[in-house]
């Protein structure tokens, strides 16, 4: 694999991860808005449900993102099977690094690009969690 190919593929994968997270963010907004009727009658139920829903949607989104990277690893024969590819992608996506993986990965750029993608998407998720808390916690505080 050439450096240009790896960088191009990494760029495409990062764009896909961003689109996936944008879709998850839109899904969270569209799912939480109807629950806002609970904010006056059951504010604690509302914030708990909102945070659990946000967490669940982003957790599934991250798993899908890891699976997409795993498919790339598998397609490029960088892993023996999907399970190994998923594990490798998960380790890289969480930026733990290849030091935990015994198998050799035959790429120098896809691993750090996977990590870059992961850290950006974890940051995105964190920003949405903070937005949810900042948006709704003051309403709950007023009810006490």
Protein backbone atom coordinates (compact mmCIF):
# COMPACT_ATOMS: atom_id res chain seq x y z
CA UNK A 1 0.00 0.00 0.00
CA UNK A 2 1.23 3.43 -0.84
CA UNK A 3 1.19 6.35 1.56
CA UNK A 4 -1.24 8.26 -0.69
CA UNK A 5 -3.63 5.30 -0.75
CA UNK A 6 -3.57 4.92 3.04
CA UNK A 7 -4.06 8.64 3.62
CA UNK A 8 -6.90 8.78 1.09
CA UNK A 9 -8.61 5.75 2.59
CA UNK A 10 -8.17 7.17 6.09
CA UNK A 11 -9.67 10.49 4.97
CA UNK A 12 -12.70 8.71 3.49
CA UNK A 13 -13.15 6.67 6.67
CA UNK A 14 -12.96 9.77 8.86
CA UNK A 15 -15.61 11.47 6.69
CA UNK A 16 -17.81 8.36 7.01
CA UNK A 17 -17.36 8.42 10.80
CA UNK A 18 -18.34 12.09 10.87
CA UNK A 19 -21.44 11.42 8.78
CA UNK A 20 -22.34 8.51 11.07
CA UNK A 21 -22.02 10.74 14.14
CA UNK A 22 -23.97 13.53 12.49
CA UNK A 23 -26.78 11.04 11.86
CA UNK A 24 -26.61 9.91 15.49
CA UNK A 25 -26.73 13.52 16.70
CA UNK A 26 -29.81 14.22 14.57
CA UNK A 27 -31.42 11.01 15.86
CA UNK A 28 -30.75 12.09 19.45
CA UNK A 29 -32.30 15.52 18.88
CA UNK A 30 -35.36 14.04 17.17
CA UNK A 31 -35.77 11.39 19.86
CA UNK A 32 -35.28 13.69 22.85
CA UNK A 33 -37.55 16.52 21.72
CA UNK A 34 -40.79 14.50 22.16
CA UNK A 35 -39.65 13.53 25.67
CA UNK A 36 -39.52 17.20 26.72
CA UNK A 37 -43.15 16.95 27.88
CA UNK A 38 -41.75 15.03 30.86
CA UNK A 39 -39.52 17.89 31.97
CA UNK A 40 -42.24 19.54 34.07
CA UNK A 41 -43.98 16.46 35.43
CA UNK A 42 -40.99 14.15 35.88
CA UNK A 43 -37.76 16.12 35.46
CA UNK A 44 -35.48 13.43 36.92
CA UNK A 45 -37.03 10.75 34.73
CA UNK A 46 -36.56 13.04 31.75
CA UNK A 47 -32.86 13.74 32.36
CA UNK A 48 -32.15 10.08 33.16
CA UNK A 49 -33.98 8.90 30.03
CA UNK A 50 -32.30 11.56 27.90
CA UNK A 51 -28.79 10.70 29.08
CA UNK A 52 -29.37 6.94 28.78
CA UNK A 53 -30.79 7.38 25.29
CA UNK A 54 -27.89 9.60 24.26
CA UNK A 55 -25.42 7.09 25.65
CA UNK A 56 -27.08 4.15 23.93
CA UNK A 57 -27.25 5.86 20.54
CA UNK A 58 -23.62 6.96 20.67
CA UNK A 59 -22.43 3.57 21.95
CA UNK A 60 -24.07 1.83 19.00
CA UNK A 61 -22.70 4.54 16.69
CA UNK A 62 -19.16 3.94 17.95
CA UNK A 63 -19.57 0.18 17.47
CA UNK A 64 -20.72 0.74 13.89
CA UNK A 65 -17.74 3.01 13.28
CA UNK A 66 -15.36 0.38 14.65
CA UNK A 67 -17.03 -2.25 12.46
CA UNK A 68 -16.48 -0.08 9.38
CA UNK A 69 -12.76 0.20 10.20
CA UNK A 70 -12.69 -3.55 10.83
CA UNK A 71 -14.13 -4.16 7.37
CA UNK A 72 -11.33 -2.04 5.90
CA UNK A 73 -8.73 -4.02 7.86
CA UNK A 74 -10.31 -7.26 6.69
CA UNK A 75 -10.61 -6.17 3.06
CA UNK A 76 -6.94 -5.17 3.01
CA UNK A 77 -5.98 -8.51 4.61
CA UNK A 78 -4.60 -6.78 7.68
CA UNK A 79 -6.39 -9.27 9.92
CA UNK A 80 -7.15 -12.99 9.68
CA UNK A 81 -10.89 -12.74 10.42
CA UNK A 82 -13.57 -10.22 11.32
CA UNK A 83 -13.18 -10.81 15.05
CA UNK A 84 -9.45 -9.99 14.90
CA UNK A 85 -10.12 -7.02 12.63
CA UNK A 86 -12.83 -5.72 14.99
CA UNK A 87 -10.56 -6.12 18.01
CA UNK A 88 -7.70 -4.34 16.25
CA UNK A 89 -9.97 -1.53 15.07
CA UNK A 90 -11.50 -1.19 18.54
CA UNK A 91 -8.09 -0.98 20.20
CA UNK A 92 -6.97 1.64 17.69
CA UNK A 93 -10.28 3.56 17.77
CA UNK A 94 -10.00 4.00 21.53
CA UNK A 95 -6.35 5.08 21.04
CA UNK A 96 -5.04 2.31 23.29
CA UNK A 97 -2.58 1.45 20.54
CA UNK A 98 -1.17 -1.62 18.91
CA UNK A 99 1.04 -2.45 21.88
CA UNK A 100 -1.82 -4.62 23.15
CA UNK A 101 -2.10 -6.57 19.91
CA UNK A 102 0.18 -9.51 19.28
CA UNK A 103 -0.52 -9.70 15.55
CA UNK A 104 1.41 -7.53 13.16
CA UNK A 105 -0.56 -4.96 11.22
CA UNK A 106 0.95 -4.38 7.79
CA UNK A 107 0.23 -0.67 7.70
CA UNK A 108 1.86 2.36 9.21
CA UNK A 109 -0.80 5.00 8.53
CA UNK A 110 -4.18 3.31 8.90
CA UNK A 111 -3.60 2.58 12.59
CA UNK A 112 -3.00 6.23 13.59
CA UNK A 113 -5.78 7.36 11.24
CA UNK A 114 -8.13 4.95 13.01
CA UNK A 115 -7.01 6.44 16.33
CA UNK A 116 -7.52 9.99 15.01
CA UNK A 117 -11.00 9.10 13.87
CA UNK A 118 -11.81 7.51 17.21
CA UNK A 119 -10.60 10.38 19.34
CA UNK A 120 -12.49 12.92 17.21
CA UNK A 121 -15.72 10.93 17.44
CA UNK A 122 -15.32 10.38 21.19
CA UNK A 123 -14.87 14.15 21.49
CA UNK A 124 -18.01 14.69 19.41
CA UNK A 125 -20.00 12.36 21.67
CA UNK A 126 -18.68 14.12 24.78
CA UNK A 127 -19.67 17.50 23.37
CA UNK A 128 -23.24 16.28 22.78
CA UNK A 129 -23.44 14.85 26.34
CA UNK A 130 -22.33 18.21 27.73
CA UNK A 131 -24.86 20.00 25.53
CA UNK A 132 -27.66 17.74 26.81
CA UNK A 133 -26.71 18.33 30.44
CA UNK A 134 -26.29 22.09 29.99
CA UNK A 135 -29.57 22.33 28.10
CA UNK A 136 -31.77 20.46 30.56
CA UNK A 137 -30.15 20.53 34.00
CA UNK A 138 -31.11 24.19 34.67
CA UNK A 139 -34.79 23.27 34.07
CA UNK A 140 -34.52 20.50 36.62
CA UNK A 141 -32.76 22.74 39.15
CA UNK A 142 -35.68 25.18 38.95
CA UNK A 143 -38.07 22.41 40.05
CA UNK A 144 -36.26 21.83 43.35
